[in-house]
N, C-alpha and C. Protein backbone atom coordinates (compact mmCIF):
# COMPACT_ATOMS: atom_id res chain seq x y z
N UNK A 1 0.84 -1.18 0.00
CA UNK A 1 0.00 0.00 0.00
C UNK A 1 0.89 1.24 0.00
N UNK A 2 0.54 2.21 -0.81
CA UNK A 2 1.34 3.43 -0.93
C UNK A 2 1.23 4.28 0.34
N UNK A 3 2.31 4.95 0.65
CA UNK A 3 2.35 5.82 1.82
C UNK A 3 1.49 7.06 1.56
N UNK A 4 0.69 7.42 2.53
CA UNK A 4 -0.14 8.62 2.45
C UNK A 4 0.62 9.76 3.11
N UNK A 5 0.79 10.84 2.37
CA UNK A 5 1.47 12.02 2.91
C UNK A 5 0.43 13.08 3.19
N UNK A 6 0.62 13.78 4.29
CA UNK A 6 -0.32 14.84 4.65
C UNK A 6 0.42 15.97 5.36
N UNK A 7 -0.16 17.14 5.24
CA UNK A 7 0.36 18.30 5.95
C UNK A 7 -0.83 19.06 6.51
N UNK A 8 -0.89 19.15 7.82
CA UNK A 8 -1.95 19.92 8.46
C UNK A 8 -1.59 21.39 8.31
N UNK A 9 -2.38 22.10 7.52
CA UNK A 9 -2.12 23.51 7.26
C UNK A 9 -2.66 24.39 8.38
N UNK A 10 -3.83 23.99 8.94
CA UNK A 10 -4.42 24.79 9.99
C UNK A 10 -5.40 23.94 10.79
N UNK A 11 -5.30 24.01 12.11
CA UNK A 11 -6.28 23.37 12.97
C UNK A 11 -7.39 24.37 13.25
N UNK A 12 -8.61 24.00 12.87
CA UNK A 12 -9.74 24.91 12.99
C UNK A 12 -10.50 24.73 14.30
N UNK A 13 -10.42 23.54 14.88
CA UNK A 13 -11.08 23.33 16.16
C UNK A 13 -11.06 21.87 16.58
N UNK A 14 -11.29 21.67 17.88
CA UNK A 14 -11.37 20.33 18.47
C UNK A 14 -12.80 20.11 18.93
N UNK A 15 -13.41 19.01 18.47
CA UNK A 15 -14.79 18.71 18.85
C UNK A 15 -14.85 17.94 20.16
N UNK A 16 -13.90 17.02 20.37
CA UNK A 16 -13.90 16.22 21.59
C UNK A 16 -12.53 15.59 21.79
N UNK A 17 -12.33 15.04 22.99
CA UNK A 17 -11.09 14.35 23.32
C UNK A 17 -11.42 13.08 24.07
N UNK A 18 -10.80 11.96 23.66
CA UNK A 18 -11.03 10.68 24.32
C UNK A 18 -10.18 10.58 25.58
N UNK A 19 -10.50 9.63 26.47
CA UNK A 19 -9.67 9.43 27.67
C UNK A 19 -8.21 9.09 27.33
N UNK A 20 -7.97 8.54 26.15
CA UNK A 20 -6.59 8.19 25.75
C UNK A 20 -5.87 9.36 25.11
N UNK A 21 -6.52 10.52 24.99
CA UNK A 21 -5.86 11.70 24.47
C UNK A 21 -6.07 11.95 22.98
N UNK A 22 -6.77 11.05 22.29
CA UNK A 22 -7.07 11.27 20.88
C UNK A 22 -8.11 12.38 20.77
N UNK A 23 -7.92 13.27 19.80
CA UNK A 23 -8.83 14.40 19.63
C UNK A 23 -9.53 14.32 18.27
N UNK A 24 -10.83 14.59 18.28
CA UNK A 24 -11.59 14.71 17.04
C UNK A 24 -11.48 16.16 16.61
N UNK A 25 -10.82 16.38 15.45
CA UNK A 25 -10.48 17.73 15.02
C UNK A 25 -11.00 18.04 13.63
N UNK A 26 -11.27 19.32 13.43
CA UNK A 26 -11.53 19.83 12.09
C UNK A 26 -10.28 20.59 11.68
N UNK A 27 -9.64 20.11 10.61
CA UNK A 27 -8.39 20.70 10.14
C UNK A 27 -8.47 21.01 8.65
N UNK A 28 -7.60 21.88 8.22
CA UNK A 28 -7.38 22.12 6.79
C UNK A 28 -6.11 21.36 6.45
N UNK A 29 -6.22 20.33 5.58
CA UNK A 29 -5.12 19.42 5.32
C UNK A 29 -4.86 19.28 3.82
N UNK A 30 -3.58 19.22 3.47
CA UNK A 30 -3.18 18.87 2.12
C UNK A 30 -2.80 17.39 2.13
N UNK A 31 -3.51 16.60 1.33
CA UNK A 31 -3.23 15.16 1.22
C UNK A 31 -2.41 14.92 -0.05
N UNK A 32 -1.27 14.26 0.11
CA UNK A 32 -0.40 13.90 -1.01
C UNK A 32 -0.06 15.09 -1.91
N UNK A 33 0.14 16.25 -1.30
CA UNK A 33 0.56 17.44 -2.03
C UNK A 33 -0.55 18.13 -2.83
N UNK A 34 -1.78 17.68 -2.66
CA UNK A 34 -2.89 18.27 -3.40
C UNK A 34 -3.47 19.47 -2.65
N UNK A 35 -4.42 20.16 -3.29
CA UNK A 35 -5.07 21.31 -2.70
C UNK A 35 -5.69 20.94 -1.35
N UNK A 36 -5.62 21.87 -0.42
CA UNK A 36 -6.14 21.61 0.92
C UNK A 36 -7.64 21.35 0.89
N UNK A 37 -8.06 20.48 1.82
CA UNK A 37 -9.48 20.19 2.04
C UNK A 37 -9.73 20.25 3.54
N UNK A 38 -10.99 20.45 3.87
CA UNK A 38 -11.40 20.41 5.27
C UNK A 38 -11.53 18.94 5.65
N UNK A 39 -11.02 18.61 6.81
CA UNK A 39 -10.92 17.21 7.21
C UNK A 39 -11.38 17.05 8.65
N UNK A 40 -12.25 16.07 8.88
CA UNK A 40 -12.77 15.78 10.22
C UNK A 40 -12.41 14.35 10.56
N UNK A 41 -11.58 14.16 11.59
CA UNK A 41 -11.17 12.83 12.02
C UNK A 41 -10.50 12.90 13.39
N UNK A 42 -10.25 11.72 13.98
CA UNK A 42 -9.54 11.64 15.25
C UNK A 42 -8.04 11.49 15.01
N UNK A 43 -7.28 12.15 15.88
CA UNK A 43 -5.81 12.12 15.80
C UNK A 43 -5.22 11.77 17.16
N UNK A 44 -4.10 11.04 17.15
CA UNK A 44 -3.38 10.82 18.39
C UNK A 44 -2.71 12.14 18.80
N UNK A 45 -2.21 12.22 20.03
CA UNK A 45 -1.65 13.49 20.50
C UNK A 45 -0.50 14.04 19.65
N UNK A 46 0.25 13.19 18.97
CA UNK A 46 1.39 13.63 18.16
C UNK A 46 1.03 13.87 16.69
N UNK A 47 -0.22 13.64 16.33
CA UNK A 47 -0.69 13.76 14.94
C UNK A 47 0.09 12.82 14.00
N UNK A 48 0.42 11.62 14.50
CA UNK A 48 1.09 10.61 13.69
C UNK A 48 0.08 9.55 13.26
N UNK A 49 -0.74 9.09 14.22
CA UNK A 49 -1.77 8.10 13.92
C UNK A 49 -3.11 8.81 13.79
N UNK A 50 -3.95 8.28 12.91
CA UNK A 50 -5.26 8.90 12.70
C UNK A 50 -6.33 7.83 12.57
N UNK A 51 -7.55 8.23 12.88
CA UNK A 51 -8.70 7.37 12.68
C UNK A 51 -9.32 7.65 11.32
N UNK A 52 -10.36 6.91 11.02
CA UNK A 52 -11.08 7.16 9.77
C UNK A 52 -11.74 8.52 9.85
N UNK A 53 -11.84 9.17 8.71
CA UNK A 53 -12.43 10.50 8.71
C UNK A 53 -13.11 10.80 7.40
N UNK A 54 -13.48 12.04 7.25
CA UNK A 54 -14.15 12.50 6.05
C UNK A 54 -13.57 13.86 5.66
N UNK A 55 -13.43 14.09 4.34
CA UNK A 55 -12.91 15.35 3.86
C UNK A 55 -14.00 16.09 3.08
N UNK A 56 -13.90 17.41 3.09
CA UNK A 56 -14.89 18.27 2.43
C UNK A 56 -14.19 19.36 1.64
N UNK A 57 -14.74 19.68 0.48
CA UNK A 57 -14.33 20.89 -0.22
C UNK A 57 -15.01 22.06 0.48
N UNK A 58 -14.66 23.27 0.12
CA UNK A 58 -15.30 24.45 0.71
C UNK A 58 -16.81 24.43 0.46
N UNK A 59 -17.19 24.08 -0.76
CA UNK A 59 -18.62 24.04 -1.10
C UNK A 59 -19.36 22.97 -0.30
N UNK A 60 -18.77 21.80 -0.16
CA UNK A 60 -19.40 20.74 0.63
C UNK A 60 -19.56 21.16 2.08
N UNK A 61 -18.56 21.85 2.61
CA UNK A 61 -18.63 22.30 4.00
C UNK A 61 -19.72 23.35 4.18
N UNK A 62 -19.91 24.22 3.19
CA UNK A 62 -21.00 25.21 3.24
C UNK A 62 -22.36 24.51 3.24
N UNK A 63 -22.50 23.49 2.40
CA UNK A 63 -23.76 22.74 2.36
C UNK A 63 -24.01 22.05 3.70
N UNK A 64 -22.98 21.45 4.27
CA UNK A 64 -23.11 20.80 5.57
C UNK A 64 -23.51 21.81 6.64
N UNK A 65 -22.87 22.98 6.63
CA UNK A 65 -23.22 24.04 7.57
C UNK A 65 -24.70 24.39 7.47
N UNK A 66 -25.18 24.56 6.24
CA UNK A 66 -26.58 24.92 6.03
C UNK A 66 -27.51 23.81 6.51
N UNK A 67 -27.15 22.56 6.26
CA UNK A 67 -27.96 21.44 6.75
C UNK A 67 -28.03 21.44 8.27
N UNK A 68 -26.88 21.65 8.91
CA UNK A 68 -26.84 21.66 10.38
C UNK A 68 -27.64 22.85 10.94
N UNK A 69 -27.56 23.99 10.28
CA UNK A 69 -28.30 25.16 10.74
C UNK A 69 -29.81 24.94 10.66
N UNK A 70 -30.24 24.12 9.71
CA UNK A 70 -31.68 23.84 9.53
C UNK A 70 -32.19 22.78 10.50
N UNK A 71 -31.29 22.10 11.18
CA UNK A 71 -31.70 21.04 12.12
C UNK A 71 -32.08 21.64 13.47
N UNK A 72 -33.04 21.03 14.11
CA UNK A 72 -33.45 21.43 15.46
C UNK A 72 -32.71 20.54 16.46
N UNK A 73 -31.52 20.98 16.86
CA UNK A 73 -30.69 20.18 17.78
C UNK A 73 -30.95 20.54 19.23
């Protein structure tokens, strides 16, 4: 399996933290040298290991924001 390269360009916020110190974060990340995307996933404290996550373009994130704003939480 090919190595995945990433560079966290900006940490936008932390949603939660597990007892083991892993944090669920929203970051702006460049994957394999490509244009940055918004990324939501769990990271170990050193940002070396990661959990499964989801990435969004700016437009997708705007749509998600609008969907969340329309929800009665």
